[in-house]
């Protein structure tokens, strides 16, 4: 994991190191940091593919205003990973197109 250890102006601390999965692969990040930050630190650059043109999208605005970081998180599509905090055991997946709801992961509505 490549993270900034110190900065001349900013002060920050990390939460507890936790495990999560990305497309079936075990990864680690710090609890409470944005999911996108943990993915980026782990070398993941593509978060989804656009519905029509199948173009790859990744980290872009980092403030939750665009749709570039949409991913499927714990079976829920269109999660803005740049503003969603990482939690232990999350299942994060690359989103293809508009995403589909996995009712098995969420139970009956």
PDB file of N, CA and C in Angstrom:
ATOM      1  N   UNK A   1       0.833  -1.170   0.000  1.00  0.00           N
ATOM      2  CA  UNK A   1       0.000   0.000   0.000  1.00  0.00           C
ATOM      3  C   UNK A   1       0.885   1.242   0.000  1.00  0.00           C
ATOM      4  N   UNK A   2       0.684   2.114  -0.969  1.00  0.00           N
ATOM      5  CA  UNK A   2       1.442   3.357  -1.018  1.00  0.00           C
ATOM      6  C   UNK A   2       0.595   4.487  -0.459  1.00  0.00           C
ATOM      7  N   UNK A   3       0.936   4.952   0.720  1.00  0.00           N
ATOM      8  CA  UNK A   3       0.219   6.052   1.351  1.00  0.00           C
ATOM      9  C   UNK A   3       1.201   7.118   1.797  1.00  0.00           C
ATOM     10  N   UNK A   4       0.711   8.336   1.842  1.00  0.00           N
ATOM     11  CA  UNK A   4       1.538   9.430   2.338  1.00  0.00           C
ATOM     12  C   UNK A   4       1.697   9.262   3.839  1.00  0.00           C
ATOM     13  N   UNK A   5       2.929   9.241   4.315  1.00  0.00           N
ATOM     14  CA  UNK A   5       3.200   9.063   5.742  1.00  0.00           C
ATOM     15  C   UNK A   5       3.243  10.397   6.479  1.00  0.00           C
ATOM     16  N   UNK A   6       3.711  11.442   5.807  1.00  0.00           N
ATOM     17  CA  UNK A   6       3.743  12.764   6.432  1.00  0.00           C
ATOM     18  C   UNK A   6       3.570  13.820   5.353  1.00  0.00           C
ATOM     19  N   UNK A   7       3.102  14.983   5.776  1.00  0.00           N
ATOM     20  CA  UNK A   7       2.836  16.080   4.847  1.00  0.00           C
ATOM     21  C   UNK A   7       3.257  17.370   5.547  1.00  0.00           C
ATOM     22  N   UNK A   8       3.861  18.320   4.827  1.00  0.00           N
ATOM     23  CA  UNK A   8       4.341  19.537   5.483  1.00  0.00           C
ATOM     24  C   UNK A   8       3.237  20.457   6.002  1.00  0.00           C
ATOM     25  N   UNK A   9       2.007  20.329   5.492  1.00  0.00           N
ATOM     26  CA  UNK A   9       0.931  21.226   5.887  1.00  0.00           C
ATOM     27  C   UNK A   9      -0.223  20.483   6.572  1.00  0.00           C
ATOM     28  N   UNK A  10      -0.579  19.333   6.050  1.00  0.00           N
ATOM     29  CA  UNK A  10      -1.739  18.594   6.546  1.00  0.00           C
ATOM     30  C   UNK A  10      -1.367  17.591   7.627  1.00  0.00           C
ATOM     31  N   UNK A  11      -2.290  17.410   8.551  1.00  0.00           N
ATOM     32  CA  UNK A  11      -2.135  16.355   9.559  1.00  0.00           C
ATOM     33  C   UNK A  11      -3.272  15.371   9.355  1.00  0.00           C
ATOM     34  N   UNK A  12      -2.975  14.090   9.458  1.00  0.00           N
ATOM     35  CA  UNK A  12      -4.011  13.078   9.313  1.00  0.00           C
ATOM     36  C   UNK A  12      -3.594  11.809  10.041  1.00  0.00           C
ATOM     37  N   UNK A  13      -4.597  11.010  10.338  1.00  0.00           N
ATOM     38  CA  UNK A  13      -4.333   9.715  10.965  1.00  0.00           C
ATOM     39  C   UNK A  13      -5.197   8.680  10.264  1.00  0.00           C
ATOM     40  N   UNK A  14      -4.827   7.425  10.404  1.00  0.00           N
ATOM     41  CA  UNK A  14      -5.558   6.348   9.763  1.00  0.00           C
ATOM     42  C   UNK A  14      -6.326   5.566  10.824  1.00  0.00           C
ATOM     43  N   UNK A  15      -7.465   5.009  10.390  1.00  0.00           N
ATOM     44  CA  UNK A  15      -8.222   4.120  11.251  1.00  0.00           C
ATOM     45  C   UNK A  15      -7.536   2.765  11.323  1.00  0.00           C
ATOM     46  N   UNK A  16      -8.228   1.809  11.879  1.00  0.00           N
ATOM     47  CA  UNK A  16      -7.716   0.443  11.994  1.00  0.00           C
ATOM     48  C   UNK A  16      -7.600  -0.193  10.613  1.00  0.00           C
ATOM     49  N   UNK A  17      -6.535  -0.956  10.389  1.00  0.00           N
ATOM     50  CA  UNK A  17      -6.378  -1.670   9.123  1.00  0.00           C
ATOM     51  C   UNK A  17      -7.401  -2.795   9.075  1.00  0.00           C
ATOM     52  N   UNK A  18      -8.177  -2.854   7.975  1.00  0.00           N
ATOM     53  CA  UNK A  18      -9.222  -3.864   7.823  1.00  0.00           C
ATOM     54  C   UNK A  18      -9.095  -4.565   6.478  1.00  0.00           C
ATOM     55  N   UNK A  19      -9.677  -5.745   6.395  1.00  0.00           N
ATOM     56  CA  UNK A  19      -9.699  -6.512   5.148  1.00  0.00           C
ATOM     57  C   UNK A  19     -11.036  -6.318   4.455  1.00  0.00           C
ATOM     58  N   UNK A  20     -11.001  -6.316   3.125  1.00  0.00           N
ATOM     59  CA  UNK A  20     -12.212  -6.278   2.305  1.00  0.00           C
ATOM     60  C   UNK A  20     -11.889  -7.010   1.014  1.00  0.00           C
ATOM     61  N   UNK A  21     -12.896  -7.269   0.193  1.00  0.00           N
ATOM     62  CA  UNK A  21     -12.608  -7.956  -1.069  1.00  0.00           C
ATOM     63  C   UNK A  21     -12.945  -7.055  -2.242  1.00  0.00           C
ATOM     64  N   UNK A  22     -12.156  -7.191  -3.289  1.00  0.00           N
ATOM     65  CA  UNK A  22     -12.395  -6.481  -4.542  1.00  0.00           C
ATOM     66  C   UNK A  22     -12.363  -7.507  -5.657  1.00  0.00           C
ATOM     67  N   UNK A  23     -13.507  -7.685  -6.323  1.00  0.00           N
ATOM     68  CA  UNK A  23     -13.636  -8.669  -7.401  1.00  0.00           C
ATOM     69  C   UNK A  23     -13.078 -10.027  -6.982  1.00  0.00           C
ATOM     70  N   UNK A  24     -13.358 -10.418  -5.747  1.00  0.00           N
ATOM     71  CA  UNK A  24     -12.956 -11.722  -5.234  1.00  0.00           C
ATOM     72  C   UNK A  24     -11.540 -11.794  -4.687  1.00  0.00           C
ATOM     73  N   UNK A  25     -10.815 -10.695  -4.771  1.00  0.00           N
ATOM     74  CA  UNK A  25      -9.430 -10.657  -4.282  1.00  0.00           C
ATOM     75  C   UNK A  25      -9.387  -9.969  -2.918  1.00  0.00           C
ATOM     76  N   UNK A  26      -8.657 -10.545  -1.982  1.00  0.00           N
ATOM     77  CA  UNK A  26      -8.517  -9.940  -0.655  1.00  0.00           C
ATOM     78  C   UNK A  26      -7.628  -8.701  -0.724  1.00  0.00           C
ATOM     79  N   UNK A  27      -8.088  -7.629  -0.072  1.00  0.00           N
ATOM     80  CA  UNK A  27      -7.329  -6.385  -0.020  1.00  0.00           C
ATOM     81  C   UNK A  27      -7.406  -5.829   1.388  1.00  0.00           C
ATOM     82  N   UNK A  28      -6.584  -4.829   1.659  1.00  0.00           N
ATOM     83  CA  UNK A  28      -6.596  -4.147   2.951  1.00  0.00           C
ATOM     84  C   UNK A  28      -6.691  -2.648   2.748  1.00  0.00           C
ATOM     85  N   UNK A  29      -7.268  -2.001   3.733  1.00  0.00           N
ATOM     86  CA  UNK A  29      -7.359  -0.553   3.740  1.00  0.00           C
ATOM     87  C   UNK A  29      -7.569  -0.112   5.174  1.00  0.00           C
ATOM     88  N   UNK A  30      -7.796   1.169   5.363  1.00  0.00           N
ATOM     89  CA  UNK A  30      -8.017   1.693   6.703  1.00  0.00           C
ATOM     90  C   UNK A  30      -9.488   2.033   6.891  1.00  0.00           C
ATOM     91  N   UNK A  31     -10.065   1.499   7.955  1.00  0.00           N
ATOM     92  CA  UNK A  31     -11.482   1.720   8.236  1.00  0.00           C
ATOM     93  C   UNK A  31     -11.782   3.212   8.279  1.00  0.00           C
ATOM     94  N   UNK A  32     -12.862   3.593   7.613  1.00  0.00           N
ATOM     95  CA  UNK A  32     -13.289   4.984   7.610  1.00  0.00           C
ATOM     96  C   UNK A  32     -12.776   5.794   6.436  1.00  0.00           C
ATOM     97  N   UNK A  33     -11.704   5.338   5.784  1.00  0.00           N
ATOM     98  CA  UNK A  33     -11.227   6.064   4.607  1.00  0.00           C
ATOM     99  C   UNK A  33     -12.171   5.752   3.450  1.00  0.00           C
ATOM    100  N   UNK A  34     -12.237   6.611   2.428  1.00  0.00           N
ATOM    101  CA  UNK A  34     -13.077   6.293   1.284  1.00  0.00           C
ATOM    102  C   UNK A  34     -12.631   4.977   0.626  1.00  0.00           C
ATOM    103  N   UNK A  35     -13.603   4.198   0.183  1.00  0.00           N
ATOM    104  CA  UNK A  35     -13.298   2.939  -0.502  1.00  0.00           C
ATOM    105  C   UNK A  35     -12.337   3.198  -1.659  1.00  0.00           C
ATOM    106  N   UNK A  36     -12.579   4.263  -2.414  1.00  0.00           N
ATOM    107  CA  UNK A  36     -11.728   4.577  -3.568  1.00  0.00           C
ATOM    108  C   UNK A  36     -10.270   4.779  -3.169  1.00  0.00           C
ATOM    109  N   UNK A  37     -10.028   5.335  -1.991  1.00  0.00           N
ATOM    110  CA  UNK A  37      -8.650   5.547  -1.534  1.00  0.00           C
ATOM    111  C   UNK A  37      -7.955   4.211  -1.292  1.00  0.00           C
ATOM    112  N   UNK A  38      -8.670   3.281  -0.666  1.00  0.00           N
ATOM    113  CA  UNK A  38      -8.093   1.957  -0.416  1.00  0.00           C
ATOM    114  C   UNK A  38      -7.828   1.225  -1.728  1.00  0.00           C
ATOM    115  N   UNK A  39      -8.750   1.354  -2.682  1.00  0.00           N
ATOM    116  CA  UNK A  39      -8.560   0.707  -3.982  1.00  0.00           C
ATOM    117  C   UNK A  39      -7.367   1.310  -4.719  1.00  0.00           C
ATOM    118  N   UNK A  40      -7.299   2.631  -4.725  1.00  0.00           N
ATOM    119  CA  UNK A  40      -6.201   3.315  -5.414  1.00  0.00           C
ATOM    120  C   UNK A  40      -4.854   2.928  -4.810  1.00  0.00           C
ATOM    121  N   UNK A  41      -4.791   2.904  -3.484  1.00  0.00           N
ATOM    122  CA  UNK A  41      -3.549   2.515  -2.804  1.00  0.00           C
ATOM    123  C   UNK A  41      -3.168   1.076  -3.127  1.00  0.00           C
ATOM    124  N   UNK A  42      -4.181   0.242  -3.416  1.00  0.00           N
ATOM    125  CA  UNK A  42      -3.942  -1.152  -3.764  1.00  0.00           C
ATOM    126  C   UNK A  42      -3.712  -1.382  -5.247  1.00  0.00           C
ATOM    127  N   UNK A  43      -3.636  -0.293  -6.025  1.00  0.00           N
ATOM    128  CA  UNK A  43      -3.329  -0.414  -7.450  1.00  0.00           C
ATOM    129  C   UNK A  43      -4.515  -0.538  -8.381  1.00  0.00           C
ATOM    130  N   UNK A  44      -5.727  -0.422  -7.857  1.00  0.00           N
ATOM    131  CA  UNK A  44      -6.928  -0.526  -8.703  1.00  0.00           C
ATOM    132  C   UNK A  44      -7.202   0.828  -9.338  1.00  0.00           C
ATOM    133  N   UNK A  45      -7.276   0.862 -10.652  1.00  0.00           N
ATOM    134  CA  UNK A  45      -7.493   2.120 -11.370  1.00  0.00           C
ATOM    135  C   UNK A  45      -8.826   2.165 -12.112  1.00  0.00           C
ATOM    136  N   UNK A  46      -9.440   1.023 -12.407  1.00  0.00           N
ATOM    137  CA  UNK A  46     -10.716   0.981 -13.125  1.00  0.00           C
ATOM    138  C   UNK A  46     -11.810   0.543 -12.162  1.00  0.00           C
ATOM    139  N   UNK A  47     -12.851   1.374 -12.025  1.00  0.00           N
ATOM    140  CA  UNK A  47     -13.934   1.103 -11.079  1.00  0.00           C
ATOM    141  C   UNK A  47     -15.213   0.641 -11.769  1.00  0.00           C
ATOM    142  N   UNK A  48     -15.407   1.045 -13.005  1.00  0.00           N
ATOM    143  CA  UNK A  48     -16.604   0.650 -13.742  1.00  0.00           C
ATOM    144  C   UNK A  48     -16.372   0.841 -15.231  1.00  0.00           C
ATOM    145  N   UNK A  49     -17.335   0.376 -16.019  1.00  0.00           N
ATOM    146  CA  UNK A  49     -17.323   0.579 -17.463  1.00  0.00           C
ATOM    147  C   UNK A  49     -18.653   1.215 -17.848  1.00  0.00           C
ATOM    148  N   UNK A  50     -18.623   2.191 -18.750  1.00  0.00           N
ATOM    149  CA  UNK A  50     -19.841   2.906 -19.118  1.00  0.00           C
ATOM    150  C   UNK A  50     -20.812   1.976 -19.847  1.00  0.00           C
ATOM    151  N   UNK A  51     -22.132   2.257 -19.692  1.00  0.00           N
ATOM    152  CA  UNK A  51     -23.141   1.361 -20.263  1.00  0.00           C
ATOM    153  C   UNK A  51     -23.075   1.208 -21.788  1.00  0.00           C
ATOM    154  N   UNK A  52     -23.005   2.288 -22.525  1.00  0.00           N
ATOM    155  CA  UNK A  52     -23.077   2.207 -23.978  1.00  0.00           C
ATOM    156  C   UNK A  52     -21.737   1.874 -24.633  1.00  0.00           C
ATOM    157  N   UNK A  53     -20.721   2.627 -24.302  1.00  0.00           N
ATOM    158  CA  UNK A  53     -19.432   2.496 -24.995  1.00  0.00           C
ATOM    159  C   UNK A  53     -18.454   1.543 -24.305  1.00  0.00           C
ATOM    160  N   UNK A  54     -18.793   1.078 -23.106  1.00  0.00           N
ATOM    161  CA  UNK A  54     -17.944   0.149 -22.346  1.00  0.00           C
ATOM    162  C   UNK A  54     -16.566   0.734 -22.040  1.00  0.00           C
ATOM    163  N   UNK A  55     -16.529   2.053 -21.863  1.00  0.00           N
ATOM    164  CA  UNK A  55     -15.263   2.733 -21.570  1.00  0.00           C
ATOM    165  C   UNK A  55     -14.945   2.639 -20.074  1.00  0.00           C
ATOM    166  N   UNK A  56     -13.677   2.434 -19.723  1.00  0.00           N
ATOM    167  CA  UNK A  56     -13.313   2.343 -18.301  1.00  0.00           C
ATOM    168  C   UNK A  56     -13.375   3.716 -17.625  1.00  0.00           C
ATOM    169  N   UNK A  57     -13.784   3.700 -16.377  1.00  0.00           N
ATOM    170  CA  UNK A  57     -13.815   4.911 -15.555  1.00  0.00           C
ATOM    171  C   UNK A  57     -13.155   4.608 -14.225  1.00  0.00           C
ATOM    172  N   UNK A  58     -12.564   5.638 -13.623  1.00  0.00           N
ATOM    173  CA  UNK A  58     -11.884   5.481 -12.344  1.00  0.00           C
ATOM    174  C   UNK A  58     -12.053   6.721 -11.495  1.00  0.00           C
ATOM    175  N   UNK A  59     -11.113   6.931 -10.607  1.00  0.00           N
ATOM    176  CA  UNK A  59     -11.126   8.051  -9.671  1.00  0.00           C
ATOM    177  C   UNK A  59     -11.094   9.364 -10.446  1.00  0.00           C
ATOM    178  N   UNK A  60     -12.051  10.289 -10.190  1.00  0.00           N
ATOM    179  CA  UNK A  60     -12.081  11.540 -10.946  1.00  0.00           C
ATOM    180  C   UNK A  60     -12.303  12.749 -10.042  1.00  0.00           C
ATOM    181  N   UNK A  61     -13.530  12.991  -9.579  1.00  0.00           N
ATOM    182  CA  UNK A  61     -13.796  14.236  -8.842  1.00  0.00           C
ATOM    183  C   UNK A  61     -13.458  14.145  -7.353  1.00  0.00           C
ATOM    184  N   UNK A  62     -13.603  12.969  -6.769  1.00  0.00           N
ATOM    185  CA  UNK A  62     -13.298  12.719  -5.352  1.00  0.00           C
ATOM    186  C   UNK A  62     -14.193  13.478  -4.374  1.00  0.00           C
ATOM    187  N   UNK A  63     -15.340  13.999  -4.835  1.00  0.00           N
ATOM    188  CA  UNK A  63     -16.270  14.687  -3.931  1.00  0.00           C
ATOM    189  C   UNK A  63     -17.711  14.202  -4.091  1.00  0.00           C
ATOM    190  N   UNK A  64     -17.922  13.098  -4.810  1.00  0.00           N
ATOM    191  CA  UNK A  64     -19.253  12.517  -4.931  1.00  0.00           C
ATOM    192  C   UNK A  64     -20.184  13.198  -5.905  1.00  0.00           C
ATOM    193  N   UNK A  65     -19.655  13.980  -6.835  1.00  0.00           N
ATOM    194  CA  UNK A  65     -20.511  14.715  -7.773  1.00  0.00           C
ATOM    195  C   UNK A  65     -20.599  14.080  -9.158  1.00  0.00           C
ATOM    196  N   UNK A  66     -19.660  13.220  -9.505  1.00  0.00           N
ATOM    197  CA  UNK A  66     -19.708  12.580 -10.819  1.00  0.00           C
ATOM    198  C   UNK A  66     -20.104  11.111 -10.637  1.00  0.00           C
ATOM    199  N   UNK A  67     -20.054  10.346 -11.695  1.00  0.00           N
ATOM    200  CA  UNK A  67     -20.411   8.928 -11.600  1.00  0.00           C
ATOM    201  C   UNK A  67     -19.236   8.015 -11.934  1.00  0.00           C
ATOM    202  N   UNK A  68     -18.047   8.566 -12.018  1.00  0.00           N
ATOM    203  CA  UNK A  68     -16.885   7.777 -12.425  1.00  0.00           C
ATOM    204  C   UNK A  68     -16.505   6.686 -11.433  1.00  0.00           C
ATOM    205  N   UNK A  69     -16.769   6.889 -10.163  1.00  0.00           N
ATOM    206  CA  UNK A  69     -16.343   5.913  -9.156  1.00  0.00           C
ATOM    207  C   UNK A  69     -17.449   4.950  -8.741  1.00  0.00           C
ATOM    208  N   UNK A  70     -18.566   4.916  -9.470  1.00  0.00           N
ATOM    209  CA  UNK A  70     -19.639   3.982  -9.143  1.00  0.00           C
ATOM    210  C   UNK A  70     -19.106   2.557  -9.139  1.00  0.00           C
ATOM    211  N   UNK A  71     -19.430   1.822  -8.076  1.00  0.00           N
ATOM    212  CA  UNK A  71     -19.085   0.405  -7.985  1.00  0.00           C
ATOM    213  C   UNK A  71     -20.218  -0.313  -7.273  1.00  0.00           C
ATOM    214  N   UNK A  72     -20.173  -1.633  -7.316  1.00  0.00           N
ATOM    215  CA  UNK A  72     -21.138  -2.446  -6.582  1.00  0.00           C
ATOM    216  C   UNK A  72     -20.504  -2.754  -5.227  1.00  0.00           C
ATOM    217  N   UNK A  73     -21.163  -2.337  -4.156  1.00  0.00           N
ATOM    218  CA  UNK A  73     -20.644  -2.552  -2.799  1.00  0.00           C
ATOM    219  C   UNK A  73     -21.678  -3.348  -2.004  1.00  0.00           C
ATOM    220  N   UNK A  74     -21.271  -4.508  -1.541  1.00  0.00           N
ATOM    221  CA  UNK A  74     -22.166  -5.401  -0.799  1.00  0.00           C
ATOM    222  C   UNK A  74     -23.479  -5.628  -1.550  1.00  0.00           C
ATOM    223  N   UNK A  75     -23.366  -5.798  -2.876  1.00  0.00           N
ATOM    224  CA  UNK A  75     -24.529  -6.104  -3.708  1.00  0.00           C
ATOM    225  C   UNK A  75     -25.330  -4.910  -4.175  1.00  0.00           C
ATOM    226  N   UNK A  76     -24.956  -3.710  -3.767  1.00  0.00           N
ATOM    227  CA  UNK A  76     -25.683  -2.496  -4.136  1.00  0.00           C
ATOM    228  C   UNK A  76     -24.907  -1.760  -5.234  1.00  0.00           C
ATOM    229  N   UNK A  77     -25.527  -1.559  -6.419  1.00  0.00           N
ATOM    230  CA  UNK A  77     -24.831  -0.848  -7.497  1.00  0.00           C
ATOM    231  C   UNK A  77     -24.848   0.664  -7.285  1.00  0.00           C
ATOM    232  N   UNK A  78     -24.032   1.360  -8.051  1.00  0.00           N
ATOM    233  CA  UNK A  78     -23.998   2.821  -8.096  1.00  0.00           C
ATOM    234  C   UNK A  78     -23.589   3.472  -6.777  1.00  0.00           C
ATOM    235  N   UNK A  79     -22.729   2.812  -6.038  1.00  0.00           N
ATOM    236  CA  UNK A  79     -22.201   3.382  -4.800  1.00  0.00           C
ATOM    237  C   UNK A  79     -21.030   4.295  -5.160  1.00  0.00           C
ATOM    238  N   UNK A  80     -21.086   5.525  -4.691  1.00  0.00           N
ATOM    239  CA  UNK A  80     -19.994   6.481  -4.933  1.00  0.00           C
ATOM    240  C   UNK A  80     -18.858   6.159  -3.961  1.00  0.00           C
ATOM    241  N   UNK A  81     -17.876   5.444  -4.467  1.00  0.00           N
ATOM    242  CA  UNK A  81     -16.804   4.953  -3.594  1.00  0.00           C
ATOM    243  C   UNK A  81     -15.861   6.053  -3.129  1.00  0.00           C
ATOM    244  N   UNK A  82     -15.895   7.215  -3.760  1.00  0.00           N
ATOM    245  CA  UNK A  82     -15.002   8.296  -3.322  1.00  0.00           C
ATOM    246  C   UNK A  82     -15.475   8.948  -2.031  1.00  0.00           C
ATOM    247  N   UNK A  83     -16.735   8.722  -1.651  1.00  0.00           N
ATOM    248  CA  UNK A  83     -17.254   9.324  -0.424  1.00  0.00           C
ATOM    249  C   UNK A  83     -17.855   8.282   0.537  1.00  0.00           C
ATOM    250  N   UNK A  84     -17.776   7.014   0.193  1.00  0.00           N
ATOM    251  CA  UNK A  84     -18.318   5.954   1.044  1.00  0.00           C
ATOM    252  C   UNK A  84     -17.203   5.362   1.888  1.00  0.00           C
ATOM    253  N   UNK A  85     -17.349   5.405   3.220  1.00  0.00           N
ATOM    254  CA  UNK A  85     -16.290   4.901   4.106  1.00  0.00           C
ATOM    255  C   UNK A  85     -16.117   3.386   4.021  1.00  0.00           C
ATOM    256  N   UNK A  86     -14.884   2.956   4.053  1.00  0.00           N
ATOM    257  CA  UNK A  86     -14.544   1.539   4.052  1.00  0.00           C
ATOM    258  C   UNK A  86     -14.874   0.925   5.408  1.00  0.00           C
ATOM    259  N   UNK A  87     -15.439  -0.291   5.362  1.00  0.00           N
ATOM    260  CA  UNK A  87     -15.729  -1.050   6.578  1.00  0.00           C
ATOM    261  C   UNK A  87     -15.157  -2.456   6.408  1.00  0.00           C
ATOM    262  N   UNK A  88     -14.829  -3.057   7.505  1.00  0.00           N
ATOM    263  CA  UNK A  88     -14.301  -4.423   7.518  1.00  0.00           C
ATOM    264  C   UNK A  88     -15.275  -5.365   6.791  1.00  0.00           C
ATOM    265  N   UNK A  89     -14.715  -6.220   5.910  1.00  0.00           N
ATOM    266  CA  UNK A  89     -15.501  -7.260   5.260  1.00  0.00           C
ATOM    267  C   UNK A  89     -16.324  -6.832   4.067  1.00  0.00           C
ATOM    268  N   UNK A  90     -16.231  -5.572   3.650  1.00  0.00           N
ATOM    269  CA  UNK A  90     -17.005  -5.136   2.489  1.00  0.00           C
ATOM    270  C   UNK A  90     -16.651  -5.963   1.262  1.00  0.00           C
ATOM    271  N   UNK A  91     -17.647  -6.167   0.412  1.00  0.00           N
ATOM    272  CA  UNK A  91     -17.450  -6.848  -0.859  1.00  0.00           C
ATOM    273  C   UNK A  91     -17.624  -5.791  -1.948  1.00  0.00           C
ATOM    274  N   UNK A  92     -16.526  -5.409  -2.591  1.00  0.00           N
ATOM    275  CA  UNK A  92     -16.516  -4.356  -3.600  1.00  0.00           C
ATOM    276  C   UNK A  92     -16.276  -5.011  -4.954  1.00  0.00           C
ATOM    277  N   UNK A  93     -17.074  -4.609  -5.959  1.00  0.00           N
ATOM    278  CA  UNK A  93     -16.951  -5.204  -7.282  1.00  0.00           C
ATOM    279  C   UNK A  93     -16.967  -4.141  -8.373  1.00  0.00           C
ATOM    280  N   UNK A  94     -16.242  -4.404  -9.450  1.00  0.00           N
ATOM    281  CA  UNK A  94     -16.268  -3.543 -10.615  1.00  0.00           C
ATOM    282  C   UNK A  94     -17.691  -3.524 -11.150  1.00  0.00           C
ATOM    283  N   UNK A  95     -18.178  -2.348 -11.482  1.00  0.00           N
ATOM    284  CA  UNK A  95     -19.538  -2.239 -12.010  1.00  0.00           C
ATOM    285  C   UNK A  95     -19.506  -2.229 -13.532  1.00  0.00           C
ATOM    286  N   UNK A  96     -20.303  -3.083 -14.122  1.00  0.00           N
ATOM    287  CA  UNK A  96     -20.467  -3.124 -15.574  1.00  0.00           C
ATOM    288  C   UNK A  96     -21.773  -2.435 -15.927  1.00  0.00           C
ATOM    289  N   UNK A  97     -21.718  -1.431 -16.766  1.00  0.00           N
ATOM    290  CA  UNK A  97     -22.923  -0.711 -17.181  1.00  0.00           C
ATOM    291  C   UNK A  97     -23.588   0.007 -16.033  1.00  0.00           C
ATOM    292  N   UNK A  98     -24.921  -0.085 -15.986  1.00  0.00           N
ATOM    293  CA  UNK A  98     -25.683   0.628 -14.957  1.00  0.00           C
ATOM    294  C   UNK A  98     -25.728  -0.128 -13.634  1.00  0.00           C
ATOM    295  N   UNK A  99     -25.292  -1.361 -13.636  1.00  0.00           N
ATOM    296  CA  UNK A  99     -25.292  -2.155 -12.417  1.00  0.00           C
ATOM    297  C   UNK A  99     -26.628  -2.829 -12.190  1.00  0.00           C
ATOM    298  N   UNK A 100     -26.600  -3.932 -11.504  1.00  0.00           N
ATOM    299  CA  UNK A 100     -27.812  -4.678 -11.180  1.00  0.00           C
ATOM    300  C   UNK A 100     -27.829  -4.953  -9.684  1.00  0.00           C
ATOM    301  N   UNK A 101     -29.010  -4.903  -9.098  1.00  0.00           N
ATOM    302  CA  UNK A 101     -29.159  -5.181  -7.675  1.00  0.00           C
ATOM    303  C   UNK A 101     -29.086  -6.684  -7.461  1.00  0.00           C
ATOM    304  N   UNK A 102     -28.253  -7.115  -6.528  1.00  0.00           N
ATOM    305  CA  UNK A 102     -28.134  -8.520  -6.167  1.00  0.00           C
ATOM    306  C   UNK A 102     -29.046  -8.762  -4.969  1.00  0.00           C
ATOM    307  N   UNK A 103     -30.245  -9.272  -5.227  1.00  0.00           N
ATOM    308  CA  UNK A 103     -31.217  -9.473  -4.150  1.00  0.00           C
ATOM    309  C   UNK A 103     -30.757 -10.521  -3.154  1.00  0.00           C
ATOM    310  N   UNK A 104     -29.928 -11.450  -3.602  1.00  0.00           N
ATOM    311  CA  UNK A 104     -29.401 -12.456  -2.679  1.00  0.00           C
ATOM    312  C   UNK A 104     -28.521 -11.835  -1.616  1.00  0.00           C
ATOM    313  N   UNK A 105     -27.791 -10.794  -1.961  1.00  0.00           N
ATOM    314  CA  UNK A 105     -26.898 -10.136  -1.005  1.00  0.00           C
ATOM    315  C   UNK A 105     -27.671  -9.243  -0.035  1.00  0.00           C
ATOM    316  N   UNK A 106     -28.813  -8.732  -0.464  1.00  0.00           N
ATOM    317  CA  UNK A 106     -29.563  -7.788   0.345  1.00  0.00           C
ATOM    318  C   UNK A 106     -30.775  -8.413   1.029  1.00  0.00           C
ATOM    319  N   UNK A 107     -31.161  -9.603   0.616  1.00  0.00           N
ATOM    320  CA  UNK A 107     -32.359 -10.226   1.170  1.00  0.00           C
ATOM    321  C   UNK A 107     -33.586  -9.716   0.442  1.00  0.00           C
ATOM    322  N   UNK A 108     -34.745 -10.131   0.850  1.00  0.00           N
ATOM    323  CA  UNK A 108     -35.989  -9.720   0.213  1.00  0.00           C
ATOM    324  C   UNK A 108     -36.345  -8.300   0.637  1.00  0.00           C
ATOM    325  N   UNK A 109     -36.887  -7.555  -0.307  1.00  0.00           N
ATOM    326  CA  UNK A 109     -37.306  -6.175  -0.011  1.00  0.00           C
ATOM    327  C   UNK A 109     -38.742  -6.145   0.398  1.00  0.00           C
TER     328      UNK A 109
END
